[in-house]
Amino acid sequence: MVGIILPSCEKSTLMDDCPIMEDFYTESIKLPTVTTDSVKKFSCKVDGYVAKFPQAKQHKRYAQIVENIKAASFRIAISVDTAWNGEFTINF
């Protein structure tokens, strides 16, 4: 069995002083440059931490981390053959 040890923020400590949330934020900024699988793994890592330490939701960066995950999770890629001379319509 393999376990992952995440640094915790003790309840007596202010959540804004929790360094792992700053690390999560820094990593979340780079999410648009990684694959969707990597975004999913990161999201699971953050969710796991928040499940274990619910007070992490009170951290000043938590909302920004969630928004960065959401933004990186929604991607649309459209490829168009520019050599084709016909009409095309794309509906969303």
PDB file of N, CA and C in Angstrom:
ATOM      1  N   MET A   1       0.841  -1.171   0.000  1.00  0.00           N
ATOM      2  CA  MET A   1       0.000   0.000   0.000  1.00  0.00           C
ATOM      3  C   MET A   1       0.892   1.241   0.000  1.00  0.00           C
ATOM      4  N   VAL A   2       0.575   2.162  -0.856  1.00  0.00           N
ATOM      5  CA  VAL A   2       1.328   3.399  -0.966  1.00  0.00           C
ATOM      6  C   VAL A   2       0.460   4.525  -0.435  1.00  0.00           C
ATOM      7  N   GLY A   3       1.020   5.351   0.391  1.00  0.00           N
ATOM      8  CA  GLY A   3       0.276   6.476   0.942  1.00  0.00           C
ATOM      9  C   GLY A   3       0.922   7.788   0.551  1.00  0.00           C
ATOM     10  N   ILE A   4       0.118   8.802   0.514  1.00  0.00           N
ATOM     11  CA  ILE A   4       0.621  10.137   0.219  1.00  0.00           C
ATOM     12  C   ILE A   4       0.489  10.956   1.487  1.00  0.00           C
ATOM     13  N   ILE A   5       1.567  11.576   1.875  1.00  0.00           N
ATOM     14  CA  ILE A   5       1.551  12.408   3.063  1.00  0.00           C
ATOM     15  C   ILE A   5       1.536  13.865   2.609  1.00  0.00           C
ATOM     16  N   LEU A   6       0.497  14.562   3.016  1.00  0.00           N
ATOM     17  CA  LEU A   6       0.381  15.973   2.687  1.00  0.00           C
ATOM     18  C   LEU A   6       0.582  16.791   3.951  1.00  0.00           C
ATOM     19  N   PRO A   7       1.314  17.866   3.860  1.00  0.00           N
ATOM     20  CA  PRO A   7       1.472  18.699   5.052  1.00  0.00           C
ATOM     21  C   PRO A   7       0.121  19.277   5.449  1.00  0.00           C
ATOM     22  N   SER A   8      -0.112  19.332   6.715  1.00  0.00           N
ATOM     23  CA  SER A   8      -1.400  19.821   7.176  1.00  0.00           C
ATOM     24  C   SER A   8      -1.259  21.218   7.758  1.00  0.00           C
ATOM     25  N   CYS A   9      -2.393  21.823   7.933  1.00  0.00           N
ATOM     26  CA  CYS A   9      -2.464  23.106   8.611  1.00  0.00           C
ATOM     27  C   CYS A   9      -3.238  22.850   9.884  1.00  0.00           C
ATOM     28  N   GLU A  10      -2.577  22.983  10.983  1.00  0.00           N
ATOM     29  CA  GLU A  10      -3.222  22.722  12.261  1.00  0.00           C
ATOM     30  C   GLU A  10      -4.360  23.706  12.489  1.00  0.00           C
ATOM     31  N   LYS A  11      -5.378  23.263  13.192  1.00  0.00           N
ATOM     32  CA  LYS A  11      -6.538  24.108  13.441  1.00  0.00           C
ATOM     33  C   LYS A  11      -6.176  25.383  14.187  1.00  0.00           C
ATOM     34  N   SER A  12      -5.140  25.320  14.965  1.00  0.00           N
ATOM     35  CA  SER A  12      -4.745  26.505  15.727  1.00  0.00           C
ATOM     36  C   SER A  12      -4.046  27.546  14.847  1.00  0.00           C
ATOM     37  N   THR A  13      -3.662  27.141  13.641  1.00  0.00           N
ATOM     38  CA  THR A  13      -2.976  28.033  12.720  1.00  0.00           C
ATOM     39  C   THR A  13      -3.996  28.705  11.810  1.00  0.00           C
ATOM     40  N   LEU A  14      -3.772  29.953  11.493  1.00  0.00           N
ATOM     41  CA  LEU A  14      -4.642  30.623  10.534  1.00  0.00           C
ATOM     42  C   LEU A  14      -4.498  29.957   9.181  1.00  0.00           C
ATOM     43  N   MET A  15      -5.618  29.740   8.499  1.00  0.00           N
ATOM     44  CA  MET A  15      -5.563  29.077   7.195  1.00  0.00           C
ATOM     45  C   MET A  15      -4.740  29.877   6.188  1.00  0.00           C
ATOM     46  N   ASP A  16      -4.722  31.177   6.296  1.00  0.00           N
ATOM     47  CA  ASP A  16      -3.970  31.977   5.341  1.00  0.00           C
ATOM     48  C   ASP A  16      -2.471  31.761   5.458  1.00  0.00           C
ATOM     49  N   ASP A  17      -2.028  31.137   6.535  1.00  0.00           N
ATOM     50  CA  ASP A  17      -0.612  30.849   6.710  1.00  0.00           C
ATOM     51  C   ASP A  17      -0.236  29.445   6.235  1.00  0.00           C
ATOM     52  N   CYS A  18      -1.174  28.740   5.640  1.00  0.00           N
ATOM     53  CA  CYS A  18      -0.961  27.354   5.214  1.00  0.00           C
ATOM     54  C   CYS A  18      -0.182  27.330   3.897  1.00  0.00           C
ATOM     55  N   PRO A  19       1.078  26.908   3.916  1.00  0.00           N
ATOM     56  CA  PRO A  19       1.904  26.977   2.701  1.00  0.00           C
ATOM     57  C   PRO A  19       1.452  26.061   1.571  1.00  0.00           C
ATOM     58  N   ILE A  20       0.812  24.933   1.880  1.00  0.00           N
ATOM     59  CA  ILE A  20       0.416  24.032   0.794  1.00  0.00           C
ATOM     60  C   ILE A  20      -0.656  24.665  -0.089  1.00  0.00           C
ATOM     61  N   MET A  21      -1.500  25.506   0.472  1.00  0.00           N
ATOM     62  CA  MET A  21      -2.512  26.174  -0.348  1.00  0.00           C
ATOM     63  C   MET A  21      -1.857  27.162  -1.307  1.00  0.00           C
ATOM     64  N   GLU A  22      -0.789  27.803  -0.868  1.00  0.00           N
ATOM     65  CA  GLU A  22      -0.035  28.681  -1.775  1.00  0.00           C
ATOM     66  C   GLU A  22       0.612  27.855  -2.887  1.00  0.00           C
ATOM     67  N   ASP A  23       1.113  26.662  -2.530  1.00  0.00           N
ATOM     68  CA  ASP A  23       1.692  25.766  -3.532  1.00  0.00           C
ATOM     69  C   ASP A  23       0.632  25.317  -4.532  1.00  0.00           C
ATOM     70  N   PHE A  24      -0.556  24.964  -4.024  1.00  0.00           N
ATOM     71  CA  PHE A  24      -1.664  24.585  -4.908  1.00  0.00           C
ATOM     72  C   PHE A  24      -2.012  25.739  -5.844  1.00  0.00           C
ATOM     73  N   TYR A  25      -2.036  26.948  -5.321  1.00  0.00           N
ATOM     74  CA  TYR A  25      -2.356  28.107  -6.153  1.00  0.00           C
ATOM     75  C   TYR A  25      -1.314  28.291  -7.257  1.00  0.00           C
ATOM     76  N   THR A  26      -0.059  28.221  -6.892  1.00  0.00           N
ATOM     77  CA  THR A  26       1.021  28.372  -7.875  1.00  0.00           C
ATOM     78  C   THR A  26       0.908  27.311  -8.971  1.00  0.00           C
ATOM     79  N   GLU A  27       0.620  26.078  -8.558  1.00  0.00           N
ATOM     80  CA  GLU A  27       0.456  25.000  -9.536  1.00  0.00           C
ATOM     81  C   GLU A  27      -0.786  25.222 -10.392  1.00  0.00           C
ATOM     82  N   SER A  28      -1.850  25.738  -9.801  1.00  0.00           N
ATOM     83  CA  SER A  28      -3.101  25.924 -10.542  1.00  0.00           C
ATOM     84  C   SER A  28      -2.980  26.979 -11.640  1.00  0.00           C
ATOM     85  N   ILE A  29      -2.094  27.938 -11.458  1.00  0.00           N
ATOM     86  CA  ILE A  29      -1.886  28.977 -12.475  1.00  0.00           C
ATOM     87  C   ILE A  29      -1.369  28.357 -13.773  1.00  0.00           C
ATOM     88  N   LYS A  30      -0.609  27.284 -13.650  1.00  0.00           N
ATOM     89  CA  LYS A  30       0.005  26.641 -14.819  1.00  0.00           C
ATOM     90  C   LYS A  30      -0.893  25.601 -15.480  1.00  0.00           C
ATOM     91  N   LEU A  31      -2.078  25.368 -14.945  1.00  0.00           N
ATOM     92  CA  LEU A  31      -2.949  24.313 -15.465  1.00  0.00           C
ATOM     93  C   LEU A  31      -3.316  24.448 -16.944  1.00  0.00           C
ATOM     94  N   PRO A  32      -3.509  25.652 -17.474  1.00  0.00           N
ATOM     95  CA  PRO A  32      -3.849  25.741 -18.898  1.00  0.00           C
ATOM     96  C   PRO A  32      -2.775  25.176 -19.841  1.00  0.00           C
ATOM     97  N   THR A  33      -1.562  24.970 -19.342  1.00  0.00           N
ATOM     98  CA  THR A  33      -0.470  24.482 -20.192  1.00  0.00           C
ATOM     99  C   THR A  33      -0.278  22.971 -20.112  1.00  0.00           C
ATOM    100  N   VAL A  34      -1.098  22.290 -19.299  1.00  0.00           N
ATOM    101  CA  VAL A  34      -0.933  20.842 -19.135  1.00  0.00           C
ATOM    102  C   VAL A  34      -2.120  20.107 -19.739  1.00  0.00           C
ATOM    103  N   THR A  35      -2.017  18.787 -19.803  1.00  0.00           N
ATOM    104  CA  THR A  35      -3.094  17.981 -20.372  1.00  0.00           C
ATOM    105  C   THR A  35      -4.305  17.959 -19.451  1.00  0.00           C
ATOM    106  N   THR A  36      -5.446  17.593 -20.016  1.00  0.00           N
ATOM    107  CA  THR A  36      -6.662  17.515 -19.193  1.00  0.00           C
ATOM    108  C   THR A  36      -6.537  16.419 -18.134  1.00  0.00           C
ATOM    109  N   ASP A  37      -5.786  15.368 -18.425  1.00  0.00           N
ATOM    110  CA  ASP A  37      -5.550  14.333 -17.409  1.00  0.00           C
ATOM    111  C   ASP A  37      -4.790  14.906 -16.213  1.00  0.00           C
ATOM    112  N   SER A  38      -3.820  15.756 -16.480  1.00  0.00           N
ATOM    113  CA  SER A  38      -3.054  16.380 -15.404  1.00  0.00           C
ATOM    114  C   SER A  38      -3.933  17.324 -14.590  1.00  0.00           C
ATOM    115  N   VAL A  39      -4.851  18.013 -15.260  1.00  0.00           N
ATOM    116  CA  VAL A  39      -5.789  18.890 -14.551  1.00  0.00           C
ATOM    117  C   VAL A  39      -6.658  18.053 -13.618  1.00  0.00           C
ATOM    118  N   LYS A  40      -7.126  16.918 -14.117  1.00  0.00           N
ATOM    119  CA  LYS A  40      -7.965  16.020 -13.304  1.00  0.00           C
ATOM    120  C   LYS A  40      -7.188  15.510 -12.087  1.00  0.00           C
ATOM    121  N   LYS A  41      -5.948  15.104 -12.288  1.00  0.00           N
ATOM    122  CA  LYS A  41      -5.126  14.621 -11.170  1.00  0.00           C
ATOM    123  C   LYS A  41      -4.908  15.718 -10.132  1.00  0.00           C
ATOM    124  N   PHE A  42      -4.651  16.925 -10.603  1.00  0.00           N
ATOM    125  CA  PHE A  42      -4.460  18.043  -9.686  1.00  0.00           C
ATOM    126  C   PHE A  42      -5.747  18.313  -8.914  1.00  0.00           C
ATOM    127  N   SER A  43      -6.861  18.296  -9.616  1.00  0.00           N
ATOM    128  CA  SER A  43      -8.151  18.523  -8.971  1.00  0.00           C
ATOM    129  C   SER A  43      -8.410  17.485  -7.877  1.00  0.00           C
ATOM    130  N   CYS A  44      -8.091  16.228  -8.152  1.00  0.00           N
ATOM    131  CA  CYS A  44      -8.252  15.157  -7.156  1.00  0.00           C
ATOM    132  C   CYS A  44      -7.334  15.387  -5.957  1.00  0.00           C
ATOM    133  N   LYS A  45      -6.128  15.873  -6.221  1.00  0.00           N
ATOM    134  CA  LYS A  45      -5.175  16.144  -5.140  1.00  0.00           C
ATOM    135  C   LYS A  45      -5.718  17.241  -4.223  1.00  0.00           C
ATOM    136  N   VAL A  46      -6.250  18.315  -4.818  1.00  0.00           N
ATOM    137  CA  VAL A  46      -6.809  19.416  -4.030  1.00  0.00           C
ATOM    138  C   VAL A  46      -8.053  18.936  -3.281  1.00  0.00           C
ATOM    139  N   ASP A  47      -8.934  18.202  -3.971  1.00  0.00           N
ATOM    140  CA  ASP A  47     -10.145  17.687  -3.330  1.00  0.00           C
ATOM    141  C   ASP A  47      -9.811  16.785  -2.150  1.00  0.00           C
ATOM    142  N   GLY A  48      -8.798  15.946  -2.313  1.00  0.00           N
ATOM    143  CA  GLY A  48      -8.384  15.055  -1.228  1.00  0.00           C
ATOM    144  C   GLY A  48      -7.880  15.830  -0.026  1.00  0.00           C
ATOM    145  N   TYR A  49      -7.121  16.879  -0.296  1.00  0.00           N
ATOM    146  CA  TYR A  49      -6.598  17.700   0.798  1.00  0.00           C
ATOM    147  C   TYR A  49      -7.734  18.415   1.526  1.00  0.00           C
ATOM    148  N   VAL A  50      -8.667  18.962   0.751  1.00  0.00           N
ATOM    149  CA  VAL A  50      -9.788  19.694   1.346  1.00  0.00           C
ATOM    150  C   VAL A  50     -10.709  18.754   2.115  1.00  0.00           C
ATOM    151  N   ALA A  51     -10.847  17.524   1.636  1.00  0.00           N
ATOM    152  CA  ALA A  51     -11.665  16.547   2.363  1.00  0.00           C
ATOM    153  C   ALA A  51     -11.037  16.233   3.718  1.00  0.00           C
ATOM    154  N   LYS A  52      -9.713  16.165   3.736  1.00  0.00           N
ATOM    155  CA  LYS A  52      -9.013  15.851   4.984  1.00  0.00           C
ATOM    156  C   LYS A  52      -8.930  17.065   5.907  1.00  0.00           C
ATOM    157  N   PHE A  53      -8.803  18.245   5.319  1.00  0.00           N
ATOM    158  CA  PHE A  53      -8.694  19.488   6.088  1.00  0.00           C
ATOM    159  C   PHE A  53      -9.729  20.491   5.572  1.00  0.00           C
ATOM    160  N   PRO A  54     -10.993  20.339   5.974  1.00  0.00           N
ATOM    161  CA  PRO A  54     -12.071  21.206   5.468  1.00  0.00           C
ATOM    162  C   PRO A  54     -11.821  22.700   5.698  1.00  0.00           C
ATOM    163  N   GLN A  55     -11.038  23.032   6.712  1.00  0.00           N
ATOM    164  CA  GLN A  55     -10.746  24.439   6.972  1.00  0.00           C
ATOM    165  C   GLN A  55      -9.947  25.068   5.831  1.00  0.00           C
ATOM    166  N   ALA A  56      -9.406  24.253   4.936  1.00  0.00           N
ATOM    167  CA  ALA A  56      -8.656  24.781   3.791  1.00  0.00           C
ATOM    168  C   ALA A  56      -9.546  25.624   2.878  1.00  0.00           C
ATOM    169  N   LYS A  57     -10.861  25.370   2.914  1.00  0.00           N
ATOM    170  CA  LYS A  57     -11.788  26.168   2.103  1.00  0.00           C
ATOM    171  C   LYS A  57     -11.821  27.624   2.540  1.00  0.00           C
ATOM    172  N   GLN A  58     -11.329  27.893   3.727  1.00  0.00           N
ATOM    173  CA  GLN A  58     -11.307  29.263   4.244  1.00  0.00           C
ATOM    174  C   GLN A  58     -10.058  30.035   3.805  1.00  0.00           C
ATOM    175  N   HIS A  59      -9.125  29.343   3.177  1.00  0.00           N
ATOM    176  CA  HIS A  59      -7.889  29.997   2.745  1.00  0.00           C
ATOM    177  C   HIS A  59      -8.193  31.031   1.663  1.00  0.00           C
ATOM    178  N   LYS A  60      -7.460  32.121   1.674  1.00  0.00           N
ATOM    179  CA  LYS A  60      -7.686  33.217   0.720  1.00  0.00           C
ATOM    180  C   LYS A  60      -7.506  32.786  -0.737  1.00  0.00           C
ATOM    181  N   ARG A  61      -6.733  31.742  -0.993  1.00  0.00           N
ATOM    182  CA  ARG A  61      -6.470  31.288  -2.364  1.00  0.00           C
ATOM    183  C   ARG A  61      -7.425  30.185  -2.837  1.00  0.00           C
ATOM    184  N   TYR A  62      -8.227  29.637  -1.943  1.00  0.00           N
ATOM    185  CA  TYR A  62      -9.064  28.482  -2.302  1.00  0.00           C
ATOM    186  C   TYR A  62      -9.974  28.784  -3.498  1.00  0.00           C
ATOM    187  N   ALA A  63     -10.694  29.888  -3.457  1.00  0.00           N
ATOM    188  CA  ALA A  63     -11.611  30.224  -4.557  1.00  0.00           C
ATOM    189  C   ALA A  63     -10.858  30.394  -5.873  1.00  0.00           C
ATOM    190  N   GLN A  64      -9.678  30.984  -5.814  1.00  0.00           N
ATOM    191  CA  GLN A  64      -8.875  31.171  -7.030  1.00  0.00           C
ATOM    192  C   GLN A  64      -8.392  29.824  -7.570  1.00  0.00           C
ATOM    193  N   ILE A  65      -8.036  28.918  -6.688  1.00  0.00           N
ATOM    194  CA  ILE A  65      -7.605  27.578  -7.107  1.00  0.00           C
ATOM    195  C   ILE A  65      -8.736  26.879  -7.834  1.00  0.00           C
ATOM    196  N   VAL A  66      -9.932  26.938  -7.260  1.00  0.00           N
ATOM    197  CA  VAL A  66     -11.106  26.302  -7.872  1.00  0.00           C
ATOM    198  C   VAL A  66     -11.400  26.916  -9.241  1.00  0.00           C
ATOM    199  N   GLU A  67     -11.333  28.234  -9.337  1.00  0.00           N
ATOM    200  CA  GLU A  67     -11.581  28.894 -10.623  1.00  0.00           C
ATOM    201  C   GLU A  67     -10.529  28.509 -11.662  1.00  0.00           C
ATOM    202  N   ASN A  68      -9.284  28.394 -11.261  1.00  0.00           N
ATOM    203  CA  ASN A  68      -8.227  27.980 -12.189  1.00  0.00           C
ATOM    204  C   ASN A  68      -8.452  26.554 -12.682  1.00  0.00           C
ATOM    205  N   ILE A  69      -8.915  25.694 -11.797  1.00  0.00           N
ATOM    206  CA  ILE A  69      -9.227  24.314 -12.196  1.00  0.00           C
ATOM    207  C   ILE A  69     -10.372  24.310 -13.199  1.00  0.00           C
ATOM    208  N   LYS A  70     -11.424  25.059 -12.906  1.00  0.00           N
ATOM    209  CA  LYS A  70     -12.576  25.121 -13.812  1.00  0.00           C
ATOM    210  C   LYS A  70     -12.163  25.653 -15.187  1.00  0.00           C
ATOM    211  N   ALA A  71     -11.388  26.718 -15.193  1.00  0.00           N
ATOM    212  CA  ALA A  71     -10.962  27.326 -16.457  1.00  0.00           C
ATOM    213  C   ALA A  71     -10.109  26.367 -17.281  1.00  0.00           C
ATOM    214  N   ALA A  72      -9.244  25.609 -16.619  1.00  0.00           N
ATOM    215  CA  ALA A  72      -8.365  24.685 -17.335  1.00  0.00           C
ATOM    216  C   ALA A  72      -9.104  23.417 -17.766  1.00  0.00           C
ATOM    217  N   SER A  73     -10.227  23.125 -17.137  1.00  0.00           N
ATOM    218  CA  SER A  73     -10.973  21.906 -17.448  1.00  0.00           C
ATOM    219  C   SER A  73     -11.830  22.057 -18.700  1.00  0.00           C
ATOM    220  N   PHE A  74     -12.182  23.278 -19.036  1.00  0.00           N
ATOM    221  CA  PHE A  74     -13.047  23.525 -20.184  1.00  0.00           C
ATOM    222  C   PHE A  74     -12.208  23.916 -21.384  1.00  0.00           C
ATOM    223  N   ARG A  75     -12.079  22.981 -22.316  1.00  0.00           N
ATOM    224  CA  ARG A  75     -11.271  23.242 -23.514  1.00  0.00           C
ATOM    225  C   ARG A  75     -12.010  22.772 -24.745  1.00  0.00           C
ATOM    226  N   ILE A  76     -11.915  23.552 -25.795  1.00  0.00           N
ATOM    227  CA  ILE A  76     -12.485  23.177 -27.086  1.00  0.00           C
ATOM    228  C   ILE A  76     -11.376  23.319 -28.117  1.00  0.00           C
ATOM    229  N   ALA A  77     -11.176  22.281 -28.889  1.00  0.00           N
ATOM    230  CA  ALA A  77     -10.177  22.337 -29.958  1.00  0.00           C
ATOM    231  C   ALA A  77     -10.892  22.102 -31.288  1.00  0.00           C
ATOM    232  N   ILE A  78     -10.695  23.008 -32.215  1.00  0.00           N
ATOM    233  CA  ILE A  78     -11.321  22.897 -33.532  1.00  0.00           C
ATOM    234  C   ILE A  78     -10.219  22.891 -34.582  1.00  0.00           C
ATOM    235  N   SER A  79     -10.248  21.890 -35.422  1.00  0.00           N
ATOM    236  CA  SER A  79      -9.289  21.809 -36.528  1.00  0.00           C
ATOM    237  C   SER A  79     -10.049  22.000 -37.833  1.00  0.00           C
ATOM    238  N   VAL A  80      -9.530  22.821 -38.696  1.00  0.00           N
ATOM    239  CA  VAL A  80     -10.165  23.091 -39.976  1.00  0.00           C
ATOM    240  C   VAL A  80      -9.141  22.865 -41.078  1.00  0.00           C
ATOM    241  N   ASP A  81      -9.556  22.109 -42.084  1.00  0.00           N
ATOM    242  CA  ASP A  81      -8.700  21.884 -43.243  1.00  0.00           C
ATOM    243  C   ASP A  81      -8.816  23.115 -44.136  1.00  0.00           C
ATOM    244  N   THR A  82      -7.801  23.945 -44.162  1.00  0.00           N
ATOM    245  CA  THR A  82      -7.857  25.194 -44.921  1.00  0.00           C
ATOM    246  C   THR A  82      -7.769  24.971 -46.427  1.00  0.00           C
ATOM    247  N   ALA A  83      -7.403  23.770 -46.853  1.00  0.00           N
ATOM    248  CA  ALA A  83      -7.330  23.478 -48.283  1.00  0.00           C
ATOM    249  C   ALA A  83      -8.710  23.198 -48.862  1.00  0.00           C
ATOM    250  N   TRP A  84      -9.685  22.906 -48.020  1.00  0.00           N
ATOM    251  CA  TRP A  84     -11.034  22.606 -48.484  1.00  0.00           C
ATOM    252  C   TRP A  84     -11.738  23.902 -48.852  1.00  0.00           C
ATOM    253  N   ASN A  85     -12.355  23.969 -50.021  1.00  0.00           N
ATOM    254  CA  ASN A  85     -12.957  25.207 -50.508  1.00  0.00           C
ATOM    255  C   ASN A  85     -14.463  25.297 -50.269  1.00  0.00           C
ATOM    256  N   GLY A  86     -15.054  24.313 -49.628  1.00  0.00           N
ATOM    257  CA  GLY A  86     -16.497  24.339 -49.379  1.00  0.00           C
ATOM    258  C   GLY A  86     -16.858  25.193 -48.178  1.00  0.00           C
ATOM    259  N   GLU A  87     -18.153  25.312 -47.951  1.00  0.00           N
ATOM    260  CA  GLU A  87     -18.632  26.051 -46.780  1.00  0.00           C
ATOM    261  C   GLU A  87     -18.681  25.118 -45.569  1.00  0.00           C
ATOM    262  N   PHE A  88     -18.565  25.703 -44.418  1.00  0.00           N
ATOM    263  CA  PHE A  88     -18.743  24.916 -43.205  1.00  0.00           C
ATOM    264  C   PHE A  88     -19.377  25.800 -42.139  1.00  0.00           C
ATOM    265  N   THR A  89     -20.178  25.178 -41.300  1.00  0.00           N
ATOM    266  CA  THR A  89     -20.856  25.876 -40.219  1.00  0.00           C
ATOM    267  C   THR A  89     -20.566  25.141 -38.924  1.00  0.00           C
ATOM    268  N   ILE A  90     -20.213  25.884 -37.922  1.00  0.00           N
ATOM    269  CA  ILE A  90     -19.970  25.304 -36.608  1.00  0.00           C
ATOM    270  C   ILE A  90     -20.994  25.888 -35.654  1.00  0.00           C
ATOM    271  N   ASN A  91     -21.787  25.022 -35.051  1.00  0.00           N
ATOM    272  CA  ASN A  91     -22.798  25.465 -34.080  1.00  0.00           C
ATOM    273  C   ASN A  91     -22.403  25.008 -32.692  1.00  0.00           C
ATOM    274  N   PHE A  92     -22.610  25.865 -31.732  1.00  0.00           N
ATOM    275  CA  PHE A  92     -22.340  25.525 -30.339  1.00  0.00           C
ATOM    276  C   PHE A  92     -23.619  25.581 -29.566  1.00  0.00           C
TER     277      PHE A  92
END
